[in-house]
């Protein structure tokens, strides 16, 4: 198991959204990740000048690979937050452009050896309706061509519904990103979700959100039942990447140090829980 940090969470970004690409410090985040003790960074495309994102150019990808090797900080996954606007589920030229860009993101990711591309299917991208599920099925069957990274759905559906959708699409390139904090905030039965999703879960996000759709806290200071999740995953010897998607508040460094230590403690005994 590796422990990573979502890109942008190793920088103080006053006045900027938490989930945003760290334009002024993305190189420094490799150094900070290494010095803090993270194994990896989850790359981010956020919908803000995506064509200028380093991963979108040959030169940028070359530099990313060099920094990853220099600081021994992998890029195992990418979060495609840019698609949260729901354009993939539209019809016509808007959807066509979004599908083409998703294909490009998969190509960029393959070029630097990324294993997983996370596609959030929440808010405007939610697939709670049959129409949205049918539309996304068509999109996925267009972009998943048998090569490249595995696409992971991060969803607002309970486990049984998400598992049914993944099985219906029927692609070995499709899996699940399970966000423990979001599941708690949405009131899901985390142990039941994990039991039904099983090996579909390829990556886990660590976040401590309060029940009742509450906000994020420092890990361990909310009411998310992490031990329940760890025990459920241990039942099938889960060994995927764990990525922290935690708040930075006013000091990225103190938050990162605390949250990494909490995660190591939380997952440290996983082998003994099987």
Protein backbone atom coordinates (compact mmCIF):
# COMPACT_ATOMS: atom_id res chain seq x y z
CA UNK A 1 0.00 0.00 0.00
CA UNK A 2 1.19 3.51 -0.80
CA UNK A 3 0.08 6.80 0.77
CA UNK A 4 -0.26 9.83 -1.47
CA UNK A 5 -1.50 13.40 -1.31
CA UNK A 6 -3.93 15.12 -3.66
CA UNK A 7 -2.06 17.74 -5.67
CA UNK A 8 -2.52 21.25 -4.34
CA UNK A 9 -2.79 20.09 -0.71
CA UNK A 10 0.93 20.69 -0.14
CA UNK A 11 0.63 24.43 -0.80
CA UNK A 12 -1.00 27.38 0.92
CA UNK A 13 -3.31 28.92 -1.69
CA UNK A 14 -4.94 31.97 -0.18
CA UNK A 15 -8.07 32.97 -2.08
CA UNK A 16 -7.99 29.89 -4.32
CA UNK A 17 -10.29 26.85 -4.21
CA UNK A 18 -8.97 23.92 -2.19
CA UNK A 19 -9.39 21.62 -5.19
CA UNK A 20 -7.21 23.59 -7.59
CA UNK A 21 -3.96 23.08 -9.44
CA UNK A 22 -1.02 24.72 -7.61
CA UNK A 23 0.30 26.77 -10.52
CA UNK A 24 2.95 28.59 -8.48
CA UNK A 25 4.25 25.59 -6.54
CA UNK A 26 3.60 22.33 -8.39
CA UNK A 27 7.33 21.62 -8.68
CA UNK A 28 7.89 22.38 -4.99
CA UNK A 29 5.16 19.90 -4.09
CA UNK A 30 7.43 17.05 -5.17
CA UNK A 31 10.05 18.24 -2.67
CA UNK A 32 7.44 18.74 0.05
CA UNK A 33 5.90 15.32 -0.54
CA UNK A 34 9.29 13.66 -0.31
CA UNK A 35 10.35 15.55 2.83
CA UNK A 36 7.01 14.92 4.57
CA UNK A 37 7.06 11.20 3.75
CA UNK A 38 4.43 10.73 1.06
CA UNK A 39 4.92 8.05 -1.56
CA UNK A 40 2.97 9.77 -4.31
CA UNK A 41 1.00 12.77 -5.54
CA UNK A 42 -2.38 12.43 -7.24
CA UNK A 43 -2.19 14.76 -10.25
CA UNK A 44 -5.06 17.20 -10.80
CA UNK A 45 -6.74 18.68 -13.86
CA UNK A 46 -9.28 21.13 -12.48
CA UNK A 47 -10.90 22.83 -15.48
CA UNK A 48 -8.81 25.99 -15.12
CA UNK A 49 -6.49 26.47 -18.12
CA UNK A 50 -6.16 22.71 -18.56
CA UNK A 51 -4.27 23.13 -21.83
CA UNK A 52 -1.50 24.85 -19.83
CA UNK A 53 -1.35 22.11 -17.21
CA UNK A 54 2.14 20.56 -17.41
CA UNK A 55 0.67 17.12 -18.07
CA UNK A 56 -0.87 18.43 -21.31
CA UNK A 57 2.48 18.98 -23.06
CA UNK A 58 5.35 16.70 -24.00
CA UNK A 59 7.80 19.04 -22.25
CA UNK A 60 5.66 19.14 -19.14
CA UNK A 61 5.31 15.37 -18.96
CA UNK A 62 9.06 15.00 -19.37
CA UNK A 63 9.60 17.33 -16.43
CA UNK A 64 6.97 15.55 -14.32
CA UNK A 65 8.71 12.21 -14.88
CA UNK A 66 12.10 13.73 -14.04
CA UNK A 67 10.84 15.28 -10.79
CA UNK A 68 9.08 12.06 -9.79
CA UNK A 69 12.31 10.11 -10.28
CA UNK A 70 14.48 12.73 -8.58
CA UNK A 71 12.38 12.88 -5.42
CA UNK A 72 11.09 9.29 -5.47
CA UNK A 73 7.49 10.51 -5.45
CA UNK A 74 5.27 8.59 -7.85
CA UNK A 75 2.28 9.80 -9.85
CA UNK A 76 0.08 6.71 -9.60
CA UNK A 77 -3.21 8.48 -10.23
CA UNK A 78 -4.87 11.57 -11.69
CA UNK A 79 -8.08 13.25 -10.56
CA UNK A 80 -10.06 14.52 -13.55
CA UNK A 81 -11.98 17.14 -11.56
CA UNK A 82 -12.45 19.17 -14.73
CA UNK A 83 -15.40 16.94 -15.70
CA UNK A 84 -17.44 17.90 -12.64
CA UNK A 85 -19.29 20.40 -14.85
CA UNK A 86 -21.35 17.53 -16.30
CA UNK A 87 -20.43 18.21 -19.93
CA UNK A 88 -19.74 14.51 -20.50
CA UNK A 89 -23.44 13.81 -19.95
CA UNK A 90 -24.66 16.52 -22.33
CA UNK A 91 -25.60 15.98 -25.94
CA UNK A 92 -24.08 17.44 -29.09
CA UNK A 93 -20.83 19.36 -29.47
CA UNK A 94 -20.41 20.11 -25.76
CA UNK A 95 -20.34 16.41 -24.95
CA UNK A 96 -18.20 15.59 -27.97
CA UNK A 97 -15.53 18.05 -26.82
CA UNK A 98 -15.61 16.65 -23.28
CA UNK A 99 -15.29 13.06 -24.52
CA UNK A 100 -12.35 14.03 -26.72
CA UNK A 101 -10.67 15.72 -23.78
CA UNK A 102 -11.21 12.68 -21.54
CA UNK A 103 -9.51 10.56 -24.19
CA UNK A 104 -6.61 13.02 -24.21
CA UNK A 105 -6.35 12.87 -20.41
CA UNK A 106 -6.13 9.09 -20.60
CA UNK A 107 -3.39 9.42 -23.22
CA UNK A 108 -1.45 11.98 -21.13
CA UNK A 109 -1.72 9.69 -18.15
CA UNK A 110 -0.54 6.64 -20.04
CA UNK A 111 2.50 8.57 -21.27
CA UNK A 112 3.83 9.07 -17.74
CA UNK A 113 2.77 5.68 -16.41
CA UNK A 114 -0.28 6.71 -14.39
CA UNK A 115 -2.28 3.65 -13.33
CA UNK A 116 -5.62 5.24 -12.43
CA UNK A 117 -7.64 8.20 -13.69
CA UNK A 118 -10.36 9.23 -11.23
CA UNK A 119 -13.61 10.46 -12.76
CA UNK A 120 -15.90 12.12 -10.20
CA UNK A 121 -19.54 11.32 -10.99
CA UNK A 122 -21.19 13.59 -8.46
CA UNK A 123 -23.08 16.90 -8.47
CA UNK A 124 -23.59 17.87 -12.15
CA UNK A 125 -21.98 14.54 -13.12
CA UNK A 126 -24.18 12.42 -10.84
CA UNK A 127 -25.54 9.22 -12.36
CA UNK A 128 -28.46 8.83 -9.98
CA UNK A 129 -30.96 8.84 -12.85
CA UNK A 130 -31.34 6.09 -15.49
CA UNK A 131 -30.81 8.67 -18.24
CA UNK A 132 -27.47 9.77 -16.77
CA UNK A 133 -26.34 6.15 -16.29
CA UNK A 134 -27.20 5.31 -19.90
CA UNK A 135 -25.35 8.37 -21.15
CA UNK A 136 -22.23 7.63 -19.10
CA UNK A 137 -22.28 4.00 -20.24
CA UNK A 138 -22.03 5.18 -23.85
CA UNK A 139 -19.22 7.59 -22.97
CA UNK A 140 -17.22 4.92 -21.16
CA UNK A 141 -17.60 2.42 -23.97
CA UNK A 142 -16.24 5.11 -26.30
CA UNK A 143 -13.11 6.00 -24.32
CA UNK A 144 -12.17 2.65 -22.75
CA UNK A 145 -10.49 0.89 -25.63
CA UNK A 146 -8.56 -1.85 -23.86
CA UNK A 147 -5.34 0.06 -23.21
CA UNK A 148 -4.06 2.73 -20.86
CA UNK A 149 -4.99 3.60 -17.27
CA UNK A 150 -7.94 2.16 -15.39
CA UNK A 151 -10.76 4.70 -15.02
CA UNK A 152 -12.09 4.91 -11.47
CA UNK A 153 -15.56 6.26 -10.71
CA UNK A 154 -15.91 8.38 -7.57
CA UNK A 155 -19.66 8.34 -7.04
CA UNK A 156 -22.53 9.52 -4.84
CA UNK A 157 -24.26 6.16 -5.31
CA UNK A 158 -24.42 3.56 -2.54
CA UNK A 159 -22.21 0.54 -3.12
CA UNK A 160 -24.87 -1.85 -4.43
CA UNK A 161 -25.95 0.60 -7.15
CA UNK A 162 -22.41 1.53 -8.12
CA UNK A 163 -21.39 -2.13 -8.34
CA UNK A 164 -24.36 -2.85 -10.61
CA UNK A 165 -23.37 0.02 -12.90
CA UNK A 166 -19.73 -1.07 -13.17
CA UNK A 167 -20.80 -4.64 -13.90
CA UNK A 168 -23.21 -3.43 -16.59
CA UNK A 169 -20.49 -1.44 -18.38
CA UNK A 170 -18.42 -4.60 -18.27
CA UNK A 171 -14.95 -3.19 -18.94
CA UNK A 172 -11.79 -4.45 -17.20
CA UNK A 173 -10.57 -0.84 -17.45
CA UNK A 174 -13.31 0.41 -15.13
CA UNK A 175 -13.13 0.41 -11.34
CA UNK A 176 -14.08 2.40 -8.26
CA UNK A 177 -12.49 5.12 -6.13
CA UNK A 178 -13.98 4.88 -2.63
CA UNK A 179 -13.91 8.12 -0.62
CA UNK A 180 -14.46 7.16 3.01
CA UNK A 181 -15.27 10.69 4.17
CA UNK A 182 -17.79 11.34 1.42
CA UNK A 183 -19.46 8.00 2.14
CA UNK A 184 -19.83 8.97 5.79
CA UNK A 185 -21.22 12.41 4.90
CA UNK A 186 -23.77 10.80 2.58
CA UNK A 187 -24.90 8.37 5.27
CA UNK A 188 -23.77 5.20 3.50
CA UNK A 189 -23.12 1.91 5.27
CA UNK A 190 -19.38 1.87 4.65
CA UNK A 191 -18.78 -1.78 5.61
CA UNK A 192 -21.68 -2.91 3.40
CA UNK A 193 -20.46 -0.74 0.51
CA UNK A 194 -16.97 -2.17 0.67
CA UNK A 195 -18.26 -5.72 0.94
CA UNK A 196 -20.34 -5.43 -2.23
CA UNK A 197 -17.77 -3.42 -4.22
CA UNK A 198 -14.88 -5.66 -3.21
CA UNK A 199 -12.04 -5.76 -5.72
CA UNK A 200 -13.71 -3.07 -7.84
CA UNK A 201 -12.17 -0.62 -5.34
CA UNK A 202 -8.76 0.25 -6.72
CA UNK A 203 -8.01 3.39 -4.69
CA UNK A 204 -9.23 4.98 -1.46
CA UNK A 205 -9.47 8.65 -0.54
CA UNK A 206 -8.98 9.64 3.10
CA UNK A 207 -11.16 12.52 4.24
CA UNK A 208 -12.89 13.11 7.58
CA UNK A 209 -16.32 14.60 6.90
CA UNK A 210 -19.08 14.87 9.45
CA UNK A 211 -22.26 12.87 9.03
CA UNK A 212 -25.26 14.65 7.51
CA UNK A 213 -23.29 16.10 4.58
CA UNK A 214 -20.99 17.93 6.98
CA UNK A 215 -17.64 19.64 6.27
CA UNK A 216 -14.14 18.17 6.31
CA UNK A 217 -11.96 18.18 9.41
CA UNK A 218 -8.48 17.09 10.27
CA UNK A 219 -8.28 13.31 10.10
CA UNK A 220 -9.49 11.89 13.40
CA UNK A 221 -11.36 15.04 14.43
CA UNK A 222 -14.60 14.30 12.58
CA UNK A 223 -16.86 11.27 12.94
CA UNK A 224 -15.86 9.18 9.91
CA UNK A 225 -15.45 5.50 10.98
CA UNK A 226 -12.05 4.81 9.46
CA UNK A 227 -11.44 1.63 11.46
CA UNK A 228 -14.64 0.18 10.06
CA UNK A 229 -13.45 0.88 6.53
CA UNK A 230 -9.98 -0.52 7.14
CA UNK A 231 -11.37 -3.71 8.63
CA UNK A 232 -13.78 -4.17 5.73
CA UNK A 233 -10.99 -3.70 3.18
CA UNK A 234 -8.70 -6.05 5.11
CA UNK A 235 -11.16 -8.89 4.62
CA UNK A 236 -10.06 -9.18 0.99
CA UNK A 237 -6.42 -8.20 1.58
CA UNK A 238 -6.80 -4.84 -0.15
CA UNK A 239 -3.47 -3.27 -1.12
CA UNK A 240 -4.26 -0.28 -3.34
CA UNK A 241 -3.10 3.34 -3.06
CA UNK A 242 -4.51 5.55 -0.30
CA UNK A 243 -4.67 9.27 -1.16
CA UNK A 244 -5.31 12.07 1.33
CA UNK A 245 -7.84 14.63 0.14
CA UNK A 246 -7.71 16.68 3.32
CA UNK A 247 -8.11 20.40 4.07
CA UNK A 248 -5.02 22.59 4.38
CA UNK A 249 -6.70 25.31 6.50
CA UNK A 250 -3.97 27.95 7.07
CA UNK A 251 -0.91 25.69 7.17
CA UNK A 252 -0.47 22.90 4.64
CA UNK A 253 2.61 21.54 6.42
CA UNK A 254 1.14 20.97 9.89
CA UNK A 255 -2.01 19.48 8.35
CA UNK A 256 -0.01 17.17 6.09
CA UNK A 257 2.20 15.95 8.92
CA UNK A 258 -0.77 15.27 11.20
CA UNK A 259 -2.88 13.60 8.53
CA UNK A 260 -0.05 11.39 7.28
CA UNK A 261 0.69 10.21 10.83
CA UNK A 262 -3.01 9.49 11.40
CA UNK A 263 -3.23 7.52 8.15
CA UNK A 264 -0.17 5.44 8.95
CA UNK A 265 -1.59 4.60 12.37
CA UNK A 266 -5.01 3.86 10.94
CA UNK A 267 -3.69 1.50 8.27
CA UNK A 268 -0.64 0.21 10.15
CA UNK A 269 -2.40 -2.79 11.63
CA UNK A 270 -4.27 -3.79 8.48
CA UNK A 271 -2.39 -7.06 8.08
CA UNK A 272 -3.39 -8.05 11.59
CA UNK A 273 -7.07 -7.42 10.89
CA UNK A 274 -7.49 -9.91 8.03
